[in-house]
Amino acid sequence: MNKTDLVTSTAYKTLLLQQTPMIDLRAPVEFAKGALPFSVNLPFINDEERRLIGICYKKHGQQAAIELGHQLVNGDAKHARVKAWQQFLSQHPNAIMYCARGGLRSQLSQQWLKESGLDCARVDGGFKSLRTYLLDYLEKACTQQRFTVLSGMTGTGKTDILKMLPNSLDLEGHANHKGSSFGRPLNQQPMQINFEHSLILSLLNMRENNPGQRIILEDESRNIGGIHLPETLNMTMAVSDIIVLEVPLEQRIDKLLQEYVVQRYADTLAHHKCINPENYQQRAEQAFSDYLTDSLQRLNKRLGSQRSKEIMALMKAAIKHQHADAFSSHQHWLHAITVDYYDPMYLYQLKKRKDRIVFKGNYSAIVHWLQQHYE
């Protein structure tokens, strides 16, 4: 590609598959709403400059706004921004740049770089065009691709199977949420746009590297925490084949104990120690307790007032004794919410989709079936 050329839509697939480094010229406030995974925000104008130019545009029109932009980004400010682009290009010579719609910001940035002795291609249509391409790709893939939904009761270890398979999309991983009341992350979920981009790029890579193979997804509702699945994918999953992982209840409780309690406690300690090593243990203990009780309270409506109180009592007793019994008391409330809440809800939903079930089995049987049915 000639570095002075526009990057047109015909090159988007190659650009994305190669994870080409990108300079996102949009203002930080625009970048924060969503970007590409391999982009860096080196803005043409900052948030305040963007605000002032926007006001000028509304009051006095485009030409006045352009003139104000030149006044604001001049001298030292212009030099600093060009220098930042130069430094990035020195480390990533194949980088390209884009603004919101491929307009004046990327045109001027490309021109200023050219004047400094460097060439950098810019994306025709900018960020909007790249995002449209990805959403269109998902739309087409959902009509062409064979998907299989991996289902199973809470605690069966569906994610463990997905991680073994090259052609699986980990929806919970992309959403940074385990898909239940107790699945909230210690850090933030991604922005909705970033979730969509990450998910679609994974799909793009799978389909290009293994054409014709079916893709396995974990059974998820439309919402994963604060993230929602793209409607096209959600509708496709709603008509896809289902395979059901079956695991005995006690094994599932052991799995949930490790995931919701033991590992979460360890992660909470590490998280608070990283934030501030001073007295982190006490803060982590409180945060862990709050996480458990808050998560249970989210189930109050479905459990009912009386049962919620009973399970909360089990939980608080387990928290009180967790260091004396190596967290084992937590099994009592985990068993209660699994039997009283998660299992009935799951069985109700599965019954409505029973005509789509193509296989049921334990862990090894499911893995074997999937390996035999990739093609």
Protein backbone atom coordinates (compact mmCIF):
# COMPACT_ATOMS: atom_id res chain seq x y z
CA MET A 1 0.00 0.00 0.00
CA ASN A 2 1.29 3.47 -0.90
CA LYS A 3 1.48 5.31 2.40
CA THR A 4 -0.03 8.45 0.81
CA ASP A 5 -3.11 6.53 -0.32
CA LEU A 6 -6.47 6.30 1.34
CA VAL A 7 -7.25 2.99 3.03
CA THR A 8 -10.50 2.03 1.32
CA SER A 9 -13.03 -0.59 2.33
CA THR A 10 -11.43 -3.16 0.02
CA ALA A 11 -8.43 -3.22 2.36
CA TYR A 12 -10.34 -3.34 5.64
CA LYS A 13 -10.26 -7.11 6.05
CA THR A 14 -6.48 -7.30 5.60
CA LEU A 15 -6.03 -4.29 7.85
CA LEU A 16 -8.04 -5.90 10.65
CA LEU A 17 -6.67 -9.43 10.28
CA GLN A 18 -3.12 -8.11 10.47
CA GLN A 19 -4.01 -6.01 13.52
CA THR A 20 -2.48 -2.98 11.86
CA PRO A 21 -1.62 -0.30 14.44
CA MET A 22 -3.93 2.69 14.17
CA ILE A 23 -3.71 6.30 15.26
CA ASP A 24 -7.16 7.40 16.41
CA LEU A 25 -7.26 11.16 15.84
CA ARG A 26 -10.60 11.71 17.54
CA ALA A 27 -10.87 13.65 20.78
CA PRO A 28 -10.45 11.62 24.00
CA VAL A 29 -14.18 11.85 24.75
CA GLU A 30 -14.92 10.21 21.39
CA PHE A 31 -12.27 7.54 21.86
CA ALA A 32 -13.61 6.66 25.32
CA LYS A 33 -16.99 5.73 23.83
CA GLY A 34 -15.45 3.06 21.62
CA ALA A 35 -12.43 2.32 19.44
CA LEU A 36 -10.51 -0.51 17.76
CA PRO A 37 -8.49 -2.90 19.98
CA PHE A 38 -5.18 -2.04 18.29
CA SER A 39 -5.63 1.75 18.14
CA VAL A 40 -4.02 4.46 20.23
CA ASN A 41 -5.59 7.84 20.89
CA LEU A 42 -3.33 10.62 19.66
CA PRO A 43 -5.96 13.30 19.08
CA PHE A 44 -5.92 16.07 16.52
CA ILE A 45 -7.92 18.24 18.92
CA ASN A 46 -8.54 17.76 22.62
CA ASP A 47 -11.93 17.72 24.32
CA GLU A 48 -12.04 21.42 25.13
CA GLU A 49 -10.95 22.42 21.63
CA ARG A 50 -13.61 20.12 20.19
CA ARG A 51 -16.25 21.73 22.41
CA LEU A 52 -15.28 25.26 21.35
CA ILE A 53 -15.16 24.35 17.66
CA GLY A 54 -18.57 22.70 17.95
CA ILE A 55 -20.08 25.84 19.47
CA CYS A 56 -18.51 27.94 16.73
CA TYR A 57 -19.87 25.61 14.05
CA LYS A 58 -23.42 25.86 15.37
CA LYS A 59 -23.31 29.65 15.67
CA HIS A 60 -21.23 30.70 12.68
CA GLY A 61 -20.96 27.77 10.29
CA GLN A 62 -18.30 25.41 8.96
CA GLN A 63 -15.77 27.92 7.65
CA ALA A 64 -15.65 29.82 10.92
CA ALA A 65 -15.20 26.55 12.81
CA ILE A 66 -12.32 25.54 10.53
CA GLU A 67 -10.62 28.90 11.07
CA LEU A 68 -11.01 28.56 14.85
CA GLY A 69 -9.52 25.09 14.65
CA HIS A 70 -6.42 26.45 12.92
CA GLN A 71 -6.10 29.11 15.62
CA LEU A 72 -6.40 26.59 18.45
CA VAL A 73 -4.07 23.97 16.97
CA ASN A 74 -1.09 26.06 16.00
CA GLY A 75 2.44 26.72 17.09
CA ASP A 76 3.52 24.57 20.05
CA ALA A 77 0.21 22.68 20.14
CA LYS A 78 0.54 21.67 16.50
CA HIS A 79 4.19 20.74 16.96
CA ALA A 80 3.42 18.54 19.98
CA ARG A 81 0.75 16.62 18.11
CA VAL A 82 2.85 16.06 15.04
CA LYS A 83 5.70 14.90 17.27
CA ALA A 84 3.41 12.37 18.99
CA TRP A 85 2.38 10.94 15.61
CA GLN A 86 6.00 10.82 14.50
CA GLN A 87 7.03 8.91 17.60
CA PHE A 88 4.26 6.36 17.11
CA LEU A 89 5.15 5.89 13.45
CA SER A 90 8.81 5.40 14.34
CA GLN A 91 7.75 2.41 16.44
CA HIS A 92 4.99 1.27 14.06
CA PRO A 93 5.97 2.21 10.49
CA ASN A 94 2.94 0.43 9.05
CA ALA A 95 0.44 2.36 11.16
CA ILE A 96 -2.52 4.13 9.62
CA MET A 97 -4.69 6.96 10.97
CA TYR A 98 -8.37 7.79 11.11
CA CYS A 99 -10.71 10.41 12.48
CA ALA A 100 -14.46 10.15 12.96
CA ARG A 101 -15.58 10.14 9.32
CA GLY A 102 -12.41 10.51 7.28
CA GLY A 103 -12.80 14.27 7.03
CA LEU A 104 -10.73 17.32 7.80
CA ARG A 105 -8.97 16.04 10.92
CA SER A 106 -7.34 13.07 9.21
CA GLN A 107 -6.70 15.06 6.02
CA LEU A 108 -4.83 17.79 7.89
CA SER A 109 -2.98 15.29 10.09
CA GLN A 110 -1.80 13.43 7.01
CA GLN A 111 -0.76 16.72 5.40
CA TRP A 112 1.17 17.91 8.47
CA LEU A 113 3.00 14.61 8.69
CA LYS A 114 3.82 14.81 5.00
CA GLU A 115 5.30 18.26 5.56
CA SER A 116 7.47 16.79 8.33
CA GLY A 117 8.79 14.11 5.98
CA LEU A 118 6.57 11.16 6.92
CA ASP A 119 3.80 9.40 5.03
CA CYS A 120 0.84 7.81 6.77
CA ALA A 121 -2.26 6.40 5.12
CA ARG A 122 -5.65 7.48 6.41
CA VAL A 123 -8.88 5.54 6.48
CA ASP A 124 -11.46 6.59 3.93
CA GLY A 125 -14.64 7.12 5.92
CA GLY A 126 -12.79 7.05 9.22
CA PHE A 127 -13.91 5.24 12.35
CA LYS A 128 -17.54 5.21 11.25
CA SER A 129 -16.65 3.33 8.08
CA LEU A 130 -14.52 0.75 9.94
CA ARG A 131 -17.28 0.14 12.47
CA THR A 132 -19.88 -0.21 9.72
CA TYR A 133 -17.67 -2.80 8.02
CA LEU A 134 -17.43 -4.85 11.22
CA LEU A 135 -21.17 -4.73 11.88
CA ASP A 136 -21.90 -5.69 8.27
CA TYR A 137 -19.43 -8.57 8.58
CA LEU A 138 -21.27 -9.88 11.65
CA GLU A 139 -24.58 -9.61 9.81
CA LYS A 140 -23.28 -11.66 6.87
CA ALA A 141 -21.49 -14.19 9.09
CA CYS A 142 -24.69 -14.88 11.01
CA THR A 143 -26.43 -15.85 7.77
CA GLN A 144 -23.55 -18.01 6.49
CA GLN A 145 -21.91 -19.49 9.58
CA ARG A 146 -22.90 -22.66 11.43
CA PHE A 147 -23.08 -22.11 15.18
CA THR A 148 -23.61 -24.54 18.03
CA VAL A 149 -24.67 -23.35 21.48
CA LEU A 150 -23.07 -25.07 24.47
CA SER A 151 -25.60 -25.16 27.30
CA GLY A 152 -25.59 -26.55 30.82
CA MET A 153 -26.62 -25.69 34.35
CA THR A 154 -24.70 -23.16 36.41
CA GLY A 155 -21.37 -24.59 37.53
CA THR A 156 -20.97 -27.23 34.84
CA GLY A 157 -17.74 -25.66 33.56
CA LYS A 158 -18.83 -24.69 30.06
CA THR A 159 -16.13 -22.05 29.78
CA ASP A 160 -13.46 -24.69 30.49
CA ILE A 161 -14.61 -26.60 27.41
CA LEU A 162 -14.69 -23.47 25.26
CA LYS A 163 -11.09 -22.70 26.16
CA MET A 164 -10.04 -26.12 24.84
CA LEU A 165 -11.56 -25.53 21.42
CA PRO A 166 -9.97 -23.44 18.67
CA ASN A 167 -13.34 -22.49 17.17
CA SER A 168 -15.15 -21.10 20.18
CA LEU A 169 -16.29 -17.60 21.01
CA ASP A 170 -16.03 -16.81 24.70
CA LEU A 171 -18.84 -14.28 25.06
CA GLU A 172 -18.30 -13.92 28.81
CA GLY A 173 -14.59 -13.36 28.26
CA HIS A 174 -15.21 -10.59 25.76
CA ALA A 175 -17.82 -9.05 28.08
CA ASN A 176 -15.58 -9.44 31.18
CA HIS A 177 -18.49 -10.91 33.12
CA LYS A 178 -19.40 -14.45 34.14
CA GLY A 179 -23.01 -14.00 33.17
CA SER A 180 -24.67 -14.32 36.58
CA SER A 181 -25.41 -12.18 39.60
CA PHE A 182 -22.14 -13.46 41.09
CA GLY A 183 -20.21 -12.92 37.87
CA ARG A 184 -19.48 -9.20 38.17
CA PRO A 185 -15.82 -8.32 37.55
CA LEU A 186 -13.53 -6.54 39.97
CA ASN A 187 -12.74 -4.04 37.23
CA GLN A 188 -15.05 -2.53 34.64
CA GLN A 189 -16.78 -4.20 31.74
CA PRO A 190 -15.74 -2.85 28.34
CA MET A 191 -17.77 -0.22 26.57
CA GLN A 192 -20.50 -1.77 24.43
CA ILE A 193 -18.79 -0.71 21.19
CA ASN A 194 -15.45 -2.17 22.28
CA PHE A 195 -17.15 -5.45 23.23
CA GLU A 196 -18.73 -5.66 19.78
CA HIS A 197 -15.47 -4.90 18.00
CA SER A 198 -13.49 -7.44 20.03
CA LEU A 199 -16.13 -10.12 19.47
CA ILE A 200 -16.45 -9.53 15.73
CA LEU A 201 -12.68 -9.47 15.25
CA SER A 202 -12.43 -12.85 16.98
CA LEU A 203 -15.16 -14.16 14.68
CA LEU A 204 -13.36 -12.73 11.65
CA ASN A 205 -10.09 -14.43 12.58
CA MET A 206 -11.77 -17.78 13.26
CA ARG A 207 -13.61 -17.83 9.98
CA GLU A 208 -10.56 -16.81 7.97
CA ASN A 209 -8.21 -19.28 9.67
CA ASN A 210 -10.66 -22.20 9.74
CA PRO A 211 -13.16 -21.69 6.93
CA GLY A 212 -16.19 -23.94 6.97
CA GLN A 213 -15.88 -25.05 10.59
CA ARG A 214 -18.77 -24.54 12.98
CA ILE A 215 -18.28 -22.11 15.86
CA ILE A 216 -19.19 -22.95 19.45
CA LEU A 217 -20.70 -20.36 21.78
CA GLU A 218 -21.77 -20.61 25.39
CA ASP A 219 -25.48 -20.37 26.05
CA GLU A 220 -26.07 -16.78 27.12
CA SER A 221 -29.03 -14.49 27.53
CA ARG A 222 -29.15 -11.23 25.59
CA ASN A 223 -27.52 -9.36 28.48
CA ILE A 224 -24.16 -10.26 30.02
CA GLY A 225 -23.96 -7.89 32.95
CA GLY A 226 -24.21 -4.41 31.47
CA ILE A 227 -23.27 -5.63 27.99
CA HIS A 228 -25.79 -6.88 25.46
CA LEU A 229 -25.22 -9.20 22.53
CA PRO A 230 -25.66 -7.72 19.06
CA GLU A 231 -29.23 -8.44 18.00
CA THR A 232 -28.10 -10.30 14.88
CA LEU A 233 -26.00 -12.74 16.91
CA ASN A 234 -28.67 -13.11 19.56
CA MET A 235 -31.26 -14.04 16.93
CA THR A 236 -28.87 -16.52 15.30
CA MET A 237 -28.15 -18.21 18.63
CA ALA A 238 -31.91 -18.46 19.21
CA VAL A 239 -32.22 -20.89 16.27
CA SER A 240 -28.89 -22.72 16.53
CA ASP A 241 -28.35 -26.33 17.63
CA ILE A 242 -27.85 -26.87 21.36
CA ILE A 243 -25.63 -29.37 23.13
CA VAL A 244 -26.11 -29.82 26.86
CA LEU A 245 -23.29 -30.46 29.34
CA GLU A 246 -24.48 -32.60 32.25
CA VAL A 247 -22.56 -32.60 35.54
CA PRO A 248 -23.67 -33.94 38.97
CA LEU A 249 -24.87 -31.33 41.44
CA GLU A 250 -22.09 -31.82 43.99
CA GLN A 251 -19.40 -31.36 41.34
CA ARG A 252 -21.12 -28.16 40.26
CA ILE A 253 -21.20 -26.85 43.82
CA ASP A 254 -17.47 -27.55 44.13
CA LYS A 255 -16.93 -25.64 40.89
CA LEU A 256 -18.99 -22.69 42.08
CA LEU A 257 -17.19 -22.69 45.42
CA GLN A 258 -13.87 -22.34 43.64
CA GLU A 259 -15.12 -19.74 41.17
CA TYR A 260 -17.51 -17.57 43.18
CA VAL A 261 -15.73 -17.82 46.52
CA VAL A 262 -12.13 -19.11 46.69
CA GLN A 263 -10.84 -17.57 43.46
CA ARG A 264 -12.89 -14.42 43.89
CA TYR A 265 -11.46 -13.93 47.39
CA ALA A 266 -7.91 -14.37 46.10
CA ASP A 267 -8.56 -11.97 43.22
CA THR A 268 -10.06 -9.42 45.60
CA LEU A 269 -6.97 -9.53 47.81
CA ALA A 270 -4.67 -9.08 44.82
CA HIS A 271 -6.83 -6.26 43.44
CA HIS A 272 -6.80 -4.22 46.64
CA LYS A 273 -3.12 -4.88 47.28
CA CYS A 274 -2.36 -3.52 43.83
CA ILE A 275 -4.45 -0.40 44.45
CA ASN A 276 -2.90 0.33 47.85
CA PRO A 277 -0.69 -2.17 49.73
CA GLU A 278 -1.33 -0.42 53.06
CA ASN A 279 -4.00 -2.24 55.11
CA TYR A 280 -5.30 -3.90 51.97
CA GLN A 281 -6.40 -7.06 53.82
CA GLN A 282 -9.14 -5.30 55.78
CA ARG A 283 -10.44 -3.46 52.71
CA ALA A 284 -10.41 -6.64 50.67
CA GLU A 285 -12.32 -8.58 53.35
CA GLN A 286 -15.05 -5.94 53.38
CA ALA A 287 -15.19 -5.75 49.60
CA PHE A 288 -15.48 -9.52 49.32
CA SER A 289 -18.29 -9.63 51.87
CA ASP A 290 -20.11 -6.80 50.08
CA TYR A 291 -19.73 -8.56 46.74
CA LEU A 292 -21.38 -11.73 48.06
CA THR A 293 -24.25 -10.05 49.90
CA ASP A 294 -24.95 -7.57 47.09
CA SER A 295 -24.98 -10.41 44.55
CA LEU A 296 -27.47 -12.39 46.63
CA GLN A 297 -29.71 -9.37 47.11
CA ARG A 298 -30.08 -9.16 43.34
CA LEU A 299 -31.92 -12.49 43.50
CA ASN A 300 -34.37 -11.43 46.22
CA LYS A 301 -37.30 -10.95 43.89
CA ARG A 302 -37.10 -14.45 42.41
CA LEU A 303 -36.17 -16.22 45.64
CA GLY A 304 -38.85 -14.52 47.68
CA SER A 305 -38.41 -12.57 50.90
CA GLN A 306 -38.38 -15.48 53.33
CA ARG A 307 -36.03 -17.73 51.33
CA SER A 308 -33.72 -14.79 50.67
CA LYS A 309 -33.42 -14.16 54.41
CA GLU A 310 -32.66 -17.82 55.06
CA ILE A 311 -29.94 -17.97 52.41
CA MET A 312 -28.50 -14.65 53.53
CA ALA A 313 -28.13 -16.09 57.03
CA LEU A 314 -26.22 -19.05 55.59
CA MET A 315 -24.00 -16.70 53.63
CA LYS A 316 -23.19 -14.43 56.58
CA ALA A 317 -22.37 -17.45 58.74
CA ALA A 318 -20.04 -18.74 56.01
CA ILE A 319 -18.31 -15.36 55.72
CA LYS A 320 -17.81 -15.31 59.50
CA HIS A 321 -16.18 -18.74 59.56
CA GLN A 322 -14.52 -18.83 56.13
CA HIS A 323 -10.95 -18.64 57.44
CA ALA A 324 -11.59 -21.29 60.08
CA ASP A 325 -13.08 -23.87 57.71
CA ALA A 326 -11.18 -23.04 54.49
CA PHE A 327 -14.34 -21.53 52.93
CA SER A 328 -16.22 -24.86 53.06
CA SER A 329 -19.31 -23.37 54.78
CA HIS A 330 -20.01 -21.39 51.61
CA GLN A 331 -21.19 -24.65 50.05
CA HIS A 332 -24.45 -24.38 52.03
CA TRP A 333 -25.70 -21.15 50.48
CA LEU A 334 -24.29 -22.09 47.07
CA HIS A 335 -26.32 -25.31 47.18
CA ALA A 336 -29.42 -23.34 48.17
CA ILE A 337 -29.29 -20.76 45.36
CA THR A 338 -28.39 -23.44 42.82
CA VAL A 339 -31.33 -25.69 43.72
CA ASP A 340 -33.84 -22.91 44.46
CA TYR A 341 -32.93 -20.38 41.79
CA TYR A 342 -30.45 -21.27 39.05
CA ASP A 343 -31.60 -24.82 38.26
CA PRO A 344 -35.36 -24.13 38.05
CA MET A 345 -34.76 -21.08 35.89
CA TYR A 346 -32.41 -23.01 33.58
CA LEU A 347 -34.72 -26.02 33.22
CA TYR A 348 -37.65 -23.75 32.42
CA GLN A 349 -35.71 -22.02 29.66
CA LEU A 350 -34.26 -25.26 28.28
CA LYS A 351 -37.70 -26.89 28.09
CA LYS A 352 -38.81 -24.17 25.69
CA ARG A 353 -35.88 -25.01 23.39
CA LYS A 354 -35.85 -28.80 23.69
CA ASP A 355 -36.47 -29.30 19.96
CA ARG A 356 -33.05 -27.76 19.22
CA ILE A 357 -31.06 -30.10 21.50
CA VAL A 358 -28.82 -32.37 19.38
CA PHE A 359 -26.67 -33.95 22.10
CA LYS A 360 -26.36 -34.34 25.87
CA GLY A 361 -23.45 -35.75 27.83
CA ASN A 362 -20.78 -35.34 30.46
CA TYR A 363 -17.56 -33.41 30.02
CA SER A 364 -15.62 -36.04 28.04
CA ALA A 365 -18.64 -36.96 25.92
CA ILE A 366 -19.25 -33.31 25.00
CA VAL A 367 -15.60 -32.74 24.10
CA HIS A 368 -15.59 -35.88 21.95
CA TRP A 369 -18.83 -34.88 20.22
CA LEU A 370 -17.51 -31.41 19.46
CA GLN A 371 -14.25 -32.76 18.09
CA GLN A 372 -16.20 -35.07 15.79
CA HIS A 373 -18.52 -32.32 14.59
CA TYR A 374 -16.19 -29.43 13.81
CA GLU A 375 -16.79 -29.83 10.09
